[in-house]
């Protein structure tokens, strides 16, 4: 174990805890979860808000896994942990955006087509 492992474990643990808390808030929230604070998602836009929030919570929980894995790697090799974090976080951010777009598309309420409204 290297001499800075405790500090690395603390930093990665705090980062992981933040994203785990974020995932719990998304999962248990009554309002639709957002990817970013400036993105507004209205309840009327989502077919099933609890399922949508659960999917968002799982997404954030997976992102926190990057920091948890990095913390464990840091116990054995600071260099490997640094590289894992340096590569994992940007890739994880891209994966967050892609996953969120898929989640939003899956749970988005679609407006009725003209054919559906003509029959009424």
PDB file of N, CA and C in Angstrom:
ATOM      1  N   UNK A   1       0.846  -1.177   0.000  1.00  0.00           N
ATOM      2  CA  UNK A   1       0.000   0.000   0.000  1.00  0.00           C
ATOM      3  C   UNK A   1       0.891   1.240   0.000  1.00  0.00           C
ATOM      4  N   UNK A   2       0.511   2.241  -0.821  1.00  0.00           N
ATOM      5  CA  UNK A   2       1.348   3.430  -0.906  1.00  0.00           C
ATOM      6  C   UNK A   2       1.011   4.420   0.207  1.00  0.00           C
ATOM      7  N   UNK A   3       1.885   5.402   0.402  1.00  0.00           N
ATOM      8  CA  UNK A   3       1.759   6.335   1.537  1.00  0.00           C
ATOM      9  C   UNK A   3       0.596   7.316   1.395  1.00  0.00           C
ATOM     10  N   UNK A   4       0.137   7.577   0.184  1.00  0.00           N
ATOM     11  CA  UNK A   4      -0.975   8.511  -0.025  1.00  0.00           C
ATOM     12  C   UNK A   4      -2.310   7.804  -0.205  1.00  0.00           C
ATOM     13  N   UNK A   5      -2.349   6.522   0.096  1.00  0.00           N
ATOM     14  CA  UNK A   5      -3.570   5.747  -0.136  1.00  0.00           C
ATOM     15  C   UNK A   5      -4.730   6.264   0.719  1.00  0.00           C
ATOM     16  N   UNK A   6      -4.448   6.679   1.940  1.00  0.00           N
ATOM     17  CA  UNK A   6      -5.513   7.180   2.815  1.00  0.00           C
ATOM     18  C   UNK A   6      -6.152   8.447   2.274  1.00  0.00           C
ATOM     19  N   UNK A   7      -5.324   9.362   1.793  1.00  0.00           N
ATOM     20  CA  UNK A   7      -5.840  10.600   1.223  1.00  0.00           C
ATOM     21  C   UNK A   7      -6.639  10.318  -0.046  1.00  0.00           C
ATOM     22  N   UNK A   8      -6.114   9.430  -0.893  1.00  0.00           N
ATOM     23  CA  UNK A   8      -6.825   9.063  -2.126  1.00  0.00           C
ATOM     24  C   UNK A   8      -8.163   8.414  -1.789  1.00  0.00           C
ATOM     25  N   UNK A   9      -8.157   7.516  -0.820  1.00  0.00           N
ATOM     26  CA  UNK A   9      -9.379   6.833  -0.401  1.00  0.00           C
ATOM     27  C   UNK A   9     -10.409   7.836   0.116  1.00  0.00           C
ATOM     28  N   UNK A  10      -9.950   8.812   0.873  1.00  0.00           N
ATOM     29  CA  UNK A  10     -10.844   9.854   1.388  1.00  0.00           C
ATOM     30  C   UNK A  10     -11.440  10.678   0.243  1.00  0.00           C
ATOM     31  N   UNK A  11     -10.606  11.139  -0.666  1.00  0.00           N
ATOM     32  CA  UNK A  11     -11.097  11.960  -1.789  1.00  0.00           C
ATOM     33  C   UNK A  11     -12.073  11.198  -2.668  1.00  0.00           C
ATOM     34  N   UNK A  12     -11.725   9.988  -3.036  1.00  0.00           N
ATOM     35  CA  UNK A  12     -12.601   9.190  -3.895  1.00  0.00           C
ATOM     36  C   UNK A  12     -13.864   8.771  -3.143  1.00  0.00           C
ATOM     37  N   UNK A  13     -13.724   8.527  -1.855  1.00  0.00           N
ATOM     38  CA  UNK A  13     -14.894   8.182  -1.042  1.00  0.00           C
ATOM     39  C   UNK A  13     -15.887   9.326  -0.969  1.00  0.00           C
ATOM     40  N   UNK A  14     -15.386  10.545  -0.813  1.00  0.00           N
ATOM     41  CA  UNK A  14     -16.261  11.728  -0.773  1.00  0.00           C
ATOM     42  C   UNK A  14     -16.946  11.911  -2.131  1.00  0.00           C
ATOM     43  N   UNK A  15     -16.186  11.782  -3.215  1.00  0.00           N
ATOM     44  CA  UNK A  15     -16.780  11.913  -4.554  1.00  0.00           C
ATOM     45  C   UNK A  15     -17.854  10.846  -4.767  1.00  0.00           C
ATOM     46  N   UNK A  16     -17.553   9.621  -4.405  1.00  0.00           N
ATOM     47  CA  UNK A  16     -18.532   8.542  -4.564  1.00  0.00           C
ATOM     48  C   UNK A  16     -19.763   8.808  -3.710  1.00  0.00           C
ATOM     49  N   UNK A  17     -19.572   9.276  -2.485  1.00  0.00           N
ATOM     50  CA  UNK A  17     -20.701   9.554  -1.593  1.00  0.00           C
ATOM     51  C   UNK A  17     -21.614  10.639  -2.156  1.00  0.00           C
ATOM     52  N   UNK A  18     -21.023  11.637  -2.776  1.00  0.00           N
ATOM     53  CA  UNK A  18     -21.827  12.708  -3.390  1.00  0.00           C
ATOM     54  C   UNK A  18     -22.719  12.135  -4.482  1.00  0.00           C
ATOM     55  N   UNK A  19     -22.164  11.301  -5.346  1.00  0.00           N
ATOM     56  CA  UNK A  19     -22.961  10.752  -6.438  1.00  0.00           C
ATOM     57  C   UNK A  19     -23.935   9.673  -5.969  1.00  0.00           C
ATOM     58  N   UNK A  20     -23.585   8.939  -4.925  1.00  0.00           N
ATOM     59  CA  UNK A  20     -24.542   7.990  -4.345  1.00  0.00           C
ATOM     60  C   UNK A  20     -25.722   8.760  -3.749  1.00  0.00           C
ATOM     61  N   UNK A  21     -25.446   9.857  -3.043  1.00  0.00           N
ATOM     62  CA  UNK A  21     -26.526  10.683  -2.485  1.00  0.00           C
ATOM     63  C   UNK A  21     -27.378  11.259  -3.609  1.00  0.00           C
ATOM     64  N   UNK A  22     -26.750  11.695  -4.674  1.00  0.00           N
ATOM     65  CA  UNK A  22     -27.469  12.235  -5.827  1.00  0.00           C
ATOM     66  C   UNK A  22     -28.386  11.155  -6.415  1.00  0.00           C
ATOM     67  N   UNK A  23     -27.869   9.921  -6.496  1.00  0.00           N
ATOM     68  CA  UNK A  23     -28.676   8.837  -7.062  1.00  0.00           C
ATOM     69  C   UNK A  23     -29.873   8.519  -6.170  1.00  0.00           C
ATOM     70  N   UNK A  24     -29.681   8.554  -4.863  1.00  0.00           N
ATOM     71  CA  UNK A  24     -30.792   8.295  -3.937  1.00  0.00           C
ATOM     72  C   UNK A  24     -31.834   9.402  -4.058  1.00  0.00           C
ATOM     73  N   UNK A  25     -31.392  10.649  -4.151  1.00  0.00           N
ATOM     74  CA  UNK A  25     -32.325  11.771  -4.309  1.00  0.00           C
ATOM     75  C   UNK A  25     -33.106  11.638  -5.617  1.00  0.00           C
ATOM     76  N   UNK A  26     -32.423  11.239  -6.686  1.00  0.00           N
ATOM     77  CA  UNK A  26     -33.104  11.063  -7.968  1.00  0.00           C
ATOM     78  C   UNK A  26     -34.107   9.914  -7.882  1.00  0.00           C
ATOM     79  N   UNK A  27     -33.696   8.821  -7.265  1.00  0.00           N
ATOM     80  CA  UNK A  27     -34.515   7.617  -7.175  1.00  0.00           C
ATOM     81  C   UNK A  27     -35.782   7.867  -6.363  1.00  0.00           C
ATOM     82  N   UNK A  28     -35.650   8.572  -5.263  1.00  0.00           N
ATOM     83  CA  UNK A  28     -36.774   8.765  -4.347  1.00  0.00           C
ATOM     84  C   UNK A  28     -37.549  10.055  -4.551  1.00  0.00           C
ATOM     85  N   UNK A  29     -37.120  10.877  -5.481  1.00  0.00           N
ATOM     86  CA  UNK A  29     -37.766  12.166  -5.688  1.00  0.00           C
ATOM     87  C   UNK A  29     -39.171  12.035  -6.255  1.00  0.00           C
ATOM     88  N   UNK A  30     -40.032  12.974  -5.886  1.00  0.00           N
ATOM     89  CA  UNK A  30     -41.391  12.988  -6.405  1.00  0.00           C
ATOM     90  C   UNK A  30     -41.477  13.651  -7.768  1.00  0.00           C
ATOM     91  N   UNK A  31     -40.636  14.644  -7.985  1.00  0.00           N
ATOM     92  CA  UNK A  31     -40.582  15.337  -9.271  1.00  0.00           C
ATOM     93  C   UNK A  31     -39.604  14.599 -10.185  1.00  0.00           C
ATOM     94  N   UNK A  32     -39.775  14.708 -11.489  1.00  0.00           N
ATOM     95  CA  UNK A  32     -38.830  14.052 -12.405  1.00  0.00           C
ATOM     96  C   UNK A  32     -37.397  14.558 -12.189  1.00  0.00           C
ATOM     97  N   UNK A  33     -36.464  13.620 -12.132  1.00  0.00           N
ATOM     98  CA  UNK A  33     -35.052  13.954 -11.943  1.00  0.00           C
ATOM     99  C   UNK A  33     -34.507  14.614 -13.204  1.00  0.00           C
ATOM    100  N   UNK A  34     -33.489  15.442 -13.016  1.00  0.00           N
ATOM    101  CA  UNK A  34     -32.829  16.122 -14.137  1.00  0.00           C
ATOM    102  C   UNK A  34     -31.385  15.651 -14.218  1.00  0.00           C
ATOM    103  N   UNK A  35     -30.850  15.762 -15.405  1.00  0.00           N
ATOM    104  CA  UNK A  35     -29.428  15.474 -15.560  1.00  0.00           C
ATOM    105  C   UNK A  35     -28.606  16.653 -15.055  1.00  0.00           C
ATOM    106  N   UNK A  36     -28.989  17.848 -15.457  1.00  0.00           N
ATOM    107  CA  UNK A  36     -28.305  19.072 -15.044  1.00  0.00           C
ATOM    108  C   UNK A  36     -29.325  20.014 -14.422  1.00  0.00           C
ATOM    109  N   UNK A  37     -28.870  20.897 -13.559  1.00  0.00           N
ATOM    110  CA  UNK A  37     -29.796  21.756 -12.821  1.00  0.00           C
ATOM    111  C   UNK A  37     -30.600  22.685 -13.718  1.00  0.00           C
ATOM    112  N   UNK A  38     -30.067  23.086 -14.860  1.00  0.00           N
ATOM    113  CA  UNK A  38     -30.788  24.012 -15.721  1.00  0.00           C
ATOM    114  C   UNK A  38     -31.752  23.302 -16.679  1.00  0.00           C
ATOM    115  N   UNK A  39     -31.752  21.985 -16.696  1.00  0.00           N
ATOM    116  CA  UNK A  39     -32.669  21.238 -17.557  1.00  0.00           C
ATOM    117  C   UNK A  39     -33.957  20.981 -16.784  1.00  0.00           C
ATOM    118  N   UNK A  40     -35.037  21.570 -17.245  1.00  0.00           N
ATOM    119  CA  UNK A  40     -36.307  21.386 -16.553  1.00  0.00           C
ATOM    120  C   UNK A  40     -37.101  20.268 -17.220  1.00  0.00           C
ATOM    121  N   UNK A  41     -37.545  19.314 -16.406  1.00  0.00           N
ATOM    122  CA  UNK A  41     -38.378  18.226 -16.885  1.00  0.00           C
ATOM    123  C   UNK A  41     -39.683  18.289 -16.105  1.00  0.00           C
ATOM    124  N   UNK A  42     -40.792  18.429 -16.815  1.00  0.00           N
ATOM    125  CA  UNK A  42     -42.095  18.536 -16.167  1.00  0.00           C
ATOM    126  C   UNK A  42     -42.727  17.148 -16.039  1.00  0.00           C
ATOM    127  N   UNK A  43     -43.508  16.965 -14.991  1.00  0.00           N
ATOM    128  CA  UNK A  43     -44.187  15.689 -14.762  1.00  0.00           C
ATOM    129  C   UNK A  43     -45.065  15.302 -15.940  1.00  0.00           C
ATOM    130  N   UNK A  44     -45.648  16.298 -16.598  1.00  0.00           N
ATOM    131  CA  UNK A  44     -46.535  16.028 -17.725  1.00  0.00           C
ATOM    132  C   UNK A  44     -45.789  15.432 -18.917  1.00  0.00           C
ATOM    133  N   UNK A  45     -44.472  15.641 -18.961  1.00  0.00           N
ATOM    134  CA  UNK A  45     -43.665  15.140 -20.078  1.00  0.00           C
ATOM    135  C   UNK A  45     -43.303  13.671 -19.933  1.00  0.00           C
ATOM    136  N   UNK A  46     -43.451  13.127 -18.726  1.00  0.00           N
ATOM    137  CA  UNK A  46     -42.972  11.780 -18.417  1.00  0.00           C
ATOM    138  C   UNK A  46     -44.155  10.836 -18.222  1.00  0.00           C
ATOM    139  N   UNK A  47     -44.088   9.663 -18.825  1.00  0.00           N
ATOM    140  CA  UNK A  47     -45.158   8.674 -18.724  1.00  0.00           C
ATOM    141  C   UNK A  47     -45.232   8.098 -17.313  1.00  0.00           C
ATOM    142  N   UNK A  48     -44.110   7.665 -16.773  1.00  0.00           N
ATOM    143  CA  UNK A  48     -44.060   7.002 -15.465  1.00  0.00           C
ATOM    144  C   UNK A  48     -42.920   7.631 -14.650  1.00  0.00           C
ATOM    145  N   UNK A  49     -43.251   8.621 -13.823  1.00  0.00           N
ATOM    146  CA  UNK A  49     -42.226   9.373 -13.089  1.00  0.00           C
ATOM    147  C   UNK A  49     -41.422   8.485 -12.132  1.00  0.00           C
ATOM    148  N   UNK A  50     -42.042   7.598 -11.317  1.00  0.00           N
ATOM    149  CA  UNK A  50     -41.224   6.753 -10.437  1.00  0.00           C
ATOM    150  C   UNK A  50     -40.228   5.867 -11.192  1.00  0.00           C
ATOM    151  N   UNK A  51     -40.644   5.286 -12.307  1.00  0.00           N
ATOM    152  CA  UNK A  51     -39.725   4.445 -13.094  1.00  0.00           C
ATOM    153  C   UNK A  51     -38.626   5.292 -13.737  1.00  0.00           C
ATOM    154  N   UNK A  52     -38.997   6.479 -14.193  1.00  0.00           N
ATOM    155  CA  UNK A  52     -38.026   7.419 -14.777  1.00  0.00           C
ATOM    156  C   UNK A  52     -36.981   7.811 -13.728  1.00  0.00           C
ATOM    157  N   UNK A  53     -37.449   8.129 -12.522  1.00  0.00           N
ATOM    158  CA  UNK A  53     -36.524   8.507 -11.453  1.00  0.00           C
ATOM    159  C   UNK A  53     -35.643   7.335 -11.032  1.00  0.00           C
ATOM    160  N   UNK A  54     -36.209   6.130 -11.003  1.00  0.00           N
ATOM    161  CA  UNK A  54     -35.420   4.944 -10.647  1.00  0.00           C
ATOM    162  C   UNK A  54     -34.303   4.745 -11.673  1.00  0.00           C
ATOM    163  N   UNK A  55     -34.627   4.899 -12.956  1.00  0.00           N
ATOM    164  CA  UNK A  55     -33.615   4.759 -14.013  1.00  0.00           C
ATOM    165  C   UNK A  55     -32.521   5.809 -13.859  1.00  0.00           C
ATOM    166  N   UNK A  56     -32.908   7.040 -13.521  1.00  0.00           N
ATOM    167  CA  UNK A  56     -31.914   8.093 -13.297  1.00  0.00           C
ATOM    168  C   UNK A  56     -31.055   7.785 -12.078  1.00  0.00           C
ATOM    169  N   UNK A  57     -31.663   7.276 -11.028  1.00  0.00           N
ATOM    170  CA  UNK A  57     -30.905   6.912  -9.835  1.00  0.00           C
ATOM    171  C   UNK A  57     -29.880   5.836 -10.122  1.00  0.00           C
ATOM    172  N   UNK A  58     -30.271   4.844 -10.899  1.00  0.00           N
ATOM    173  CA  UNK A  58     -29.339   3.771 -11.274  1.00  0.00           C
ATOM    174  C   UNK A  58     -28.205   4.331 -12.123  1.00  0.00           C
ATOM    175  N   UNK A  59     -28.537   5.263 -13.011  1.00  0.00           N
ATOM    176  CA  UNK A  59     -27.517   5.890 -13.856  1.00  0.00           C
ATOM    177  C   UNK A  59     -26.458   6.581 -12.990  1.00  0.00           C
ATOM    178  N   UNK A  60     -26.894   7.384 -12.009  1.00  0.00           N
ATOM    179  CA  UNK A  60     -25.948   8.089 -11.137  1.00  0.00           C
ATOM    180  C   UNK A  60     -25.187   7.120 -10.240  1.00  0.00           C
ATOM    181  N   UNK A  61     -25.829   6.044  -9.819  1.00  0.00           N
ATOM    182  CA  UNK A  61     -25.157   5.042  -8.992  1.00  0.00           C
ATOM    183  C   UNK A  61     -24.025   4.378  -9.773  1.00  0.00           C
ATOM    184  N   UNK A  62     -24.274   4.098 -11.038  1.00  0.00           N
ATOM    185  CA  UNK A  62     -23.214   3.528 -11.889  1.00  0.00           C
ATOM    186  C   UNK A  62     -22.045   4.498 -12.035  1.00  0.00           C
ATOM    187  N   UNK A  63     -22.346   5.785 -12.178  1.00  0.00           N
ATOM    188  CA  UNK A  63     -21.280   6.783 -12.284  1.00  0.00           C
ATOM    189  C   UNK A  63     -20.450   6.830 -11.001  1.00  0.00           C
ATOM    190  N   UNK A  64     -21.096   6.692  -9.858  1.00  0.00           N
ATOM    191  CA  UNK A  64     -20.348   6.709  -8.593  1.00  0.00           C
ATOM    192  C   UNK A  64     -19.399   5.515  -8.492  1.00  0.00           C
ATOM    193  N   UNK A  65     -19.722   4.450  -9.224  1.00  0.00           N
ATOM    194  CA  UNK A  65     -18.862   3.267  -9.226  1.00  0.00           C
ATOM    195  C   UNK A  65     -17.458   3.565  -9.720  1.00  0.00           C
ATOM    196  N   UNK A  66     -17.313   4.537 -10.602  1.00  0.00           N
ATOM    197  CA  UNK A  66     -15.984   4.923 -11.093  1.00  0.00           C
ATOM    198  C   UNK A  66     -15.104   5.338  -9.911  1.00  0.00           C
ATOM    199  N   UNK A  67     -15.663   6.122  -9.007  1.00  0.00           N
ATOM    200  CA  UNK A  67     -14.895   6.620  -7.866  1.00  0.00           C
ATOM    201  C   UNK A  67     -14.639   5.515  -6.841  1.00  0.00           C
ATOM    202  N   UNK A  68     -15.601   4.623  -6.675  1.00  0.00           N
ATOM    203  CA  UNK A  68     -15.405   3.506  -5.748  1.00  0.00           C
ATOM    204  C   UNK A  68     -14.310   2.570  -6.242  1.00  0.00           C
ATOM    205  N   UNK A  69     -14.342   2.245  -7.520  1.00  0.00           N
ATOM    206  CA  UNK A  69     -13.307   1.376  -8.097  1.00  0.00           C
ATOM    207  C   UNK A  69     -11.945   2.062  -8.025  1.00  0.00           C
ATOM    208  N   UNK A  70     -11.927   3.346  -8.312  1.00  0.00           N
ATOM    209  CA  UNK A  70     -10.672   4.098  -8.243  1.00  0.00           C
ATOM    210  C   UNK A  70     -10.105   4.102  -6.825  1.00  0.00           C
ATOM    211  N   UNK A  71     -10.977   4.198  -5.831  1.00  0.00           N
ATOM    212  CA  UNK A  71     -10.522   4.171  -4.434  1.00  0.00           C
ATOM    213  C   UNK A  71      -9.843   2.845  -4.113  1.00  0.00           C
ATOM    214  N   UNK A  72     -10.443   1.760  -4.566  1.00  0.00           N
ATOM    215  CA  UNK A  72      -9.863   0.432  -4.314  1.00  0.00           C
ATOM    216  C   UNK A  72      -8.537   0.278  -5.043  1.00  0.00           C
ATOM    217  N   UNK A  73      -8.492   0.703  -6.300  1.00  0.00           N
ATOM    218  CA  UNK A  73      -7.237   0.623  -7.064  1.00  0.00           C
ATOM    219  C   UNK A  73      -6.157   1.453  -6.376  1.00  0.00           C
ATOM    220  N   UNK A  74      -6.542   2.609  -5.823  1.00  0.00           N
ATOM    221  CA  UNK A  74      -5.591   3.489  -5.152  1.00  0.00           C
ATOM    222  C   UNK A  74      -4.934   2.881  -3.933  1.00  0.00           C
ATOM    223  N   UNK A  75      -5.561   1.885  -3.346  1.00  0.00           N
ATOM    224  CA  UNK A  75      -4.932   1.195  -2.217  1.00  0.00           C
ATOM    225  C   UNK A  75      -3.678   0.447  -2.646  1.00  0.00           C
ATOM    226  N   UNK A  76      -3.623   0.064  -3.907  1.00  0.00           N
ATOM    227  CA  UNK A  76      -2.506  -0.739  -4.402  1.00  0.00           C
ATOM    228  C   UNK A  76      -1.547   0.037  -5.295  1.00  0.00           C
ATOM    229  N   UNK A  77      -2.100   0.960  -6.098  1.00  0.00           N
ATOM    230  CA  UNK A  77      -1.247   1.707  -7.022  1.00  0.00           C
ATOM    231  C   UNK A  77      -1.836   3.093  -7.274  1.00  0.00           C
ATOM    232  N   UNK A  78      -1.138   4.114  -6.815  1.00  0.00           N
ATOM    233  CA  UNK A  78      -1.608   5.487  -7.011  1.00  0.00           C
ATOM    234  C   UNK A  78      -1.620   5.849  -8.494  1.00  0.00           C
ATOM    235  N   UNK A  79      -0.611   5.407  -9.215  1.00  0.00           N
ATOM    236  CA  UNK A  79      -0.524   5.725 -10.638  1.00  0.00           C
ATOM    237  C   UNK A  79      -1.672   5.094 -11.416  1.00  0.00           C
ATOM    238  N   UNK A  80      -1.953   3.831 -11.154  1.00  0.00           N
ATOM    239  CA  UNK A  80      -3.050   3.144 -11.842  1.00  0.00           C
ATOM    240  C   UNK A  80      -4.390   3.781 -11.498  1.00  0.00           C
ATOM    241  N   UNK A  81      -4.565   4.166 -10.239  1.00  0.00           N
ATOM    242  CA  UNK A  81      -5.819   4.800  -9.821  1.00  0.00           C
ATOM    243  C   UNK A  81      -5.992   6.154 -10.500  1.00  0.00           C
ATOM    244  N   UNK A  82      -4.902   6.897 -10.592  1.00  0.00           N
ATOM    245  CA  UNK A  82      -4.964   8.186 -11.271  1.00  0.00           C
ATOM    246  C   UNK A  82      -5.347   8.038 -12.727  1.00  0.00           C
ATOM    247  N   UNK A  83      -4.732   7.080 -13.403  1.00  0.00           N
ATOM    248  CA  UNK A  83      -5.062   6.851 -14.811  1.00  0.00           C
ATOM    249  C   UNK A  83      -6.498   6.369 -14.970  1.00  0.00           C
ATOM    250  N   UNK A  84      -6.936   5.489 -14.076  1.00  0.00           N
ATOM    251  CA  UNK A  84      -8.310   4.994 -14.142  1.00  0.00           C
ATOM    252  C   UNK A  84      -9.299   6.148 -13.996  1.00  0.00           C
ATOM    253  N   UNK A  85      -9.031   7.047 -13.063  1.00  0.00           N
ATOM    254  CA  UNK A  85      -9.914   8.193 -12.839  1.00  0.00           C
ATOM    255  C   UNK A  85      -9.845   9.157 -14.018  1.00  0.00           C
ATOM    256  N   UNK A  86      -8.644   9.410 -14.504  1.00  0.00           N
ATOM    257  CA  UNK A  86      -8.450  10.331 -15.627  1.00  0.00           C
ATOM    258  C   UNK A  86      -9.188   9.868 -16.880  1.00  0.00           C
ATOM    259  N   UNK A  87      -9.233   8.578 -17.085  1.00  0.00           N
ATOM    260  CA  UNK A  87      -9.930   8.031 -18.255  1.00  0.00           C
ATOM    261  C   UNK A  87     -11.409   7.776 -17.935  1.00  0.00           C
ATOM    262  N   UNK A  88     -11.676   7.272 -16.732  1.00  0.00           N
ATOM    263  CA  UNK A  88     -13.033   6.873 -16.370  1.00  0.00           C
ATOM    264  C   UNK A  88     -14.022   8.007 -16.222  1.00  0.00           C
ATOM    265  N   UNK A  89     -13.610   9.120 -15.645  1.00  0.00           N
ATOM    266  CA  UNK A  89     -14.553  10.223 -15.409  1.00  0.00           C
ATOM    267  C   UNK A  89     -15.032  10.861 -16.721  1.00  0.00           C
ATOM    268  N   UNK A  90     -14.150  11.220 -17.653  1.00  0.00           N
ATOM    269  CA  UNK A  90     -14.669  11.774 -18.915  1.00  0.00           C
ATOM    270  C   UNK A  90     -15.538  10.776 -19.692  1.00  0.00           C
ATOM    271  N   UNK A  91     -15.110   9.515 -19.733  1.00  0.00           N
ATOM    272  CA  UNK A  91     -15.929   8.507 -20.400  1.00  0.00           C
ATOM    273  C   UNK A  91     -17.257   8.327 -19.667  1.00  0.00           C
ATOM    274  N   UNK A  92     -17.212   8.387 -18.342  1.00  0.00           N
ATOM    275  CA  UNK A  92     -18.429   8.286 -17.546  1.00  0.00           C
ATOM    276  C   UNK A  92     -19.376   9.442 -17.803  1.00  0.00           C
ATOM    277  N   UNK A  93     -18.824  10.636 -17.997  1.00  0.00           N
ATOM    278  CA  UNK A  93     -19.666  11.809 -18.307  1.00  0.00           C
ATOM    279  C   UNK A  93     -20.363  11.635 -19.644  1.00  0.00           C
ATOM    280  N   UNK A  94     -19.643  11.148 -20.629  1.00  0.00           N
ATOM    281  CA  UNK A  94     -20.252  10.888 -21.938  1.00  0.00           C
ATOM    282  C   UNK A  94     -21.330   9.815 -21.788  1.00  0.00           C
ATOM    283  N   UNK A  95     -21.022   8.775 -21.030  1.00  0.00           N
ATOM    284  CA  UNK A  95     -22.002   7.708 -20.803  1.00  0.00           C
ATOM    285  C   UNK A  95     -23.240   8.238 -20.077  1.00  0.00           C
ATOM    286  N   UNK A  96     -23.045   9.186 -19.146  1.00  0.00           N
ATOM    287  CA  UNK A  96     -24.188   9.810 -18.459  1.00  0.00           C
ATOM    288  C   UNK A  96     -25.115  10.491 -19.452  1.00  0.00           C
ATOM    289  N   UNK A  97     -24.564  11.297 -20.342  1.00  0.00           N
ATOM    290  CA  UNK A  97     -25.378  12.004 -21.324  1.00  0.00           C
ATOM    291  C   UNK A  97     -26.113  11.031 -22.241  1.00  0.00           C
ATOM    292  N   UNK A  98     -25.417  10.007 -22.718  1.00  0.00           N
ATOM    293  CA  UNK A  98     -26.038   9.026 -23.601  1.00  0.00           C
ATOM    294  C   UNK A  98     -27.137   8.269 -22.854  1.00  0.00           C
ATOM    295  N   UNK A  99     -26.838   7.838 -21.642  1.00  0.00           N
ATOM    296  CA  UNK A  99     -27.835   7.101 -20.847  1.00  0.00           C
ATOM    297  C   UNK A  99     -29.040   7.980 -20.555  1.00  0.00           C
ATOM    298  N   UNK A 100     -28.792   9.238 -20.186  1.00  0.00           N
ATOM    299  CA  UNK A 100     -29.911  10.130 -19.880  1.00  0.00           C
ATOM    300  C   UNK A 100     -30.796  10.345 -21.106  1.00  0.00           C
ATOM    301  N   UNK A 101     -30.198  10.539 -22.258  1.00  0.00           N
ATOM    302  CA  UNK A 101     -30.994  10.717 -23.474  1.00  0.00           C
ATOM    303  C   UNK A 101     -31.844   9.489 -23.761  1.00  0.00           C
ATOM    304  N   UNK A 102     -31.285   8.308 -23.538  1.00  0.00           N
ATOM    305  CA  UNK A 102     -32.051   7.068 -23.732  1.00  0.00           C
ATOM    306  C   UNK A 102     -33.172   6.959 -22.709  1.00  0.00           C
ATOM    307  N   UNK A 103     -32.891   7.303 -21.455  1.00  0.00           N
ATOM    308  CA  UNK A 103     -33.915   7.255 -20.405  1.00  0.00           C
ATOM    309  C   UNK A 103     -35.027   8.240 -20.724  1.00  0.00           C
ATOM    310  N   UNK A 104     -34.665   9.469 -21.061  1.00  0.00           N
ATOM    311  CA  UNK A 104     -35.663  10.493 -21.346  1.00  0.00           C
ATOM    312  C   UNK A 104     -36.527  10.091 -22.543  1.00  0.00           C
ATOM    313  N   UNK A 105     -35.883   9.582 -23.590  1.00  0.00           N
ATOM    314  CA  UNK A 105     -36.623   9.152 -24.776  1.00  0.00           C
ATOM    315  C   UNK A 105     -37.573   8.004 -24.446  1.00  0.00           C
ATOM    316  N   UNK A 106     -37.119   7.095 -23.621  1.00  0.00           N
ATOM    317  CA  UNK A 106     -37.929   5.940 -23.250  1.00  0.00           C
ATOM    318  C   UNK A 106     -39.178   6.347 -22.456  1.00  0.00           C
ATOM    319  N   UNK A 107     -39.050   7.324 -21.564  1.00  0.00           N
ATOM    320  CA  UNK A 107     -40.145   7.705 -20.680  1.00  0.00           C
ATOM    321  C   UNK A 107     -40.885   8.962 -21.112  1.00  0.00           C
ATOM    322  N   UNK A 108     -40.503   9.544 -22.236  1.00  0.00           N
ATOM    323  CA  UNK A 108     -41.140  10.780 -22.691  1.00  0.00           C
ATOM    324  C   UNK A 108     -42.548  10.489 -23.215  1.00  0.00           C
ATOM    325  N   UNK A 109     -43.470  11.318 -22.787  1.00  0.00           N
ATOM    326  CA  UNK A 109     -44.847  11.213 -23.266  1.00  0.00           C
ATOM    327  C   UNK A 109     -44.898  11.826 -24.664  1.00  0.00           C
ATOM    328  N   UNK A 110     -45.373  11.046 -25.616  1.00  0.00           N
ATOM    329  CA  UNK A 110     -45.447  11.523 -26.992  1.00  0.00           C
ATOM    330  C   UNK A 110     -46.812  12.138 -27.251  1.00  0.00           C
ATOM    331  N   UNK A 111     -46.817  13.227 -27.988  1.00  0.00           N
ATOM    332  CA  UNK A 111     -48.072  13.877 -28.356  1.00  0.00           C
ATOM    333  C   UNK A 111     -48.819  12.965 -29.326  1.00  0.00           C
ATOM    334  N   UNK A 112     -50.135  12.937 -29.228  1.00  0.00           N
ATOM    335  CA  UNK A 112     -50.885  12.092 -30.171  1.00  0.00           C
ATOM    336  C   UNK A 112     -50.689  12.575 -31.600  1.00  0.00           C
ATOM    337  N   UNK A 113     -50.612  11.628 -32.511  1.00  0.00           N
ATOM    338  CA  UNK A 113     -50.431  11.995 -33.916  1.00  0.00           C
ATOM    339  C   UNK A 113     -51.739  12.549 -34.476  1.00  0.00           C
ATOM    340  N   UNK A 114     -51.670  13.153 -35.653  1.00  0.00           N
ATOM    341  CA  UNK A 114     -52.860  13.722 -36.277  1.00  0.00           C
ATOM    342  C   UNK A 114     -53.900  12.653 -36.565  1.00  0.00           C
ATOM    343  N   UNK A 115     -53.457  11.459 -36.939  1.00  0.00           N
ATOM    344  CA  UNK A 115     -54.381  10.363 -37.222  1.00  0.00           C
ATOM    345  C   UNK A 115     -55.173   9.980 -35.982  1.00  0.00           C
ATOM    346  N   UNK A 116     -54.494   9.963 -34.811  1.00  0.00           N
ATOM    347  CA  UNK A 116     -55.166   9.606 -33.564  1.00  0.00           C
ATOM    348  C   UNK A 116     -56.176  10.671 -33.172  1.00  0.00           C
ATOM    349  N   UNK A 117     -55.871  11.931 -33.408  1.00  0.00           N
ATOM    350  CA  UNK A 117     -56.785  13.012 -33.021  1.00  0.00           C
ATOM    351  C   UNK A 117     -57.932  13.137 -34.015  1.00  0.00           C
ATOM    352  N   UNK A 118     -57.776  12.685 -35.259  1.00  0.00           N
ATOM    353  CA  UNK A 118     -58.846  12.765 -36.260  1.00  0.00           C
ATOM    354  C   UNK A 118     -59.988  11.806 -35.945  1.00  0.00           C
ATOM    355  N   UNK A 119     -59.710  10.707 -35.276  1.00  0.00           N
ATOM    356  CA  UNK A 119     -60.730   9.706 -34.980  1.00  0.00           C
ATOM    357  C   UNK A 119     -61.636  10.107 -33.841  1.00  0.00           C
ATOM    358  N   UNK A 120     -61.278  11.084 -33.087  1.00  0.00           N
ATOM    359  CA  UNK A 120     -62.066  11.474 -31.926  1.00  0.00           C
ATOM    360  C   UNK A 120     -63.170  12.380 -32.264  1.00  0.00           C
TER     361      UNK A 120
END
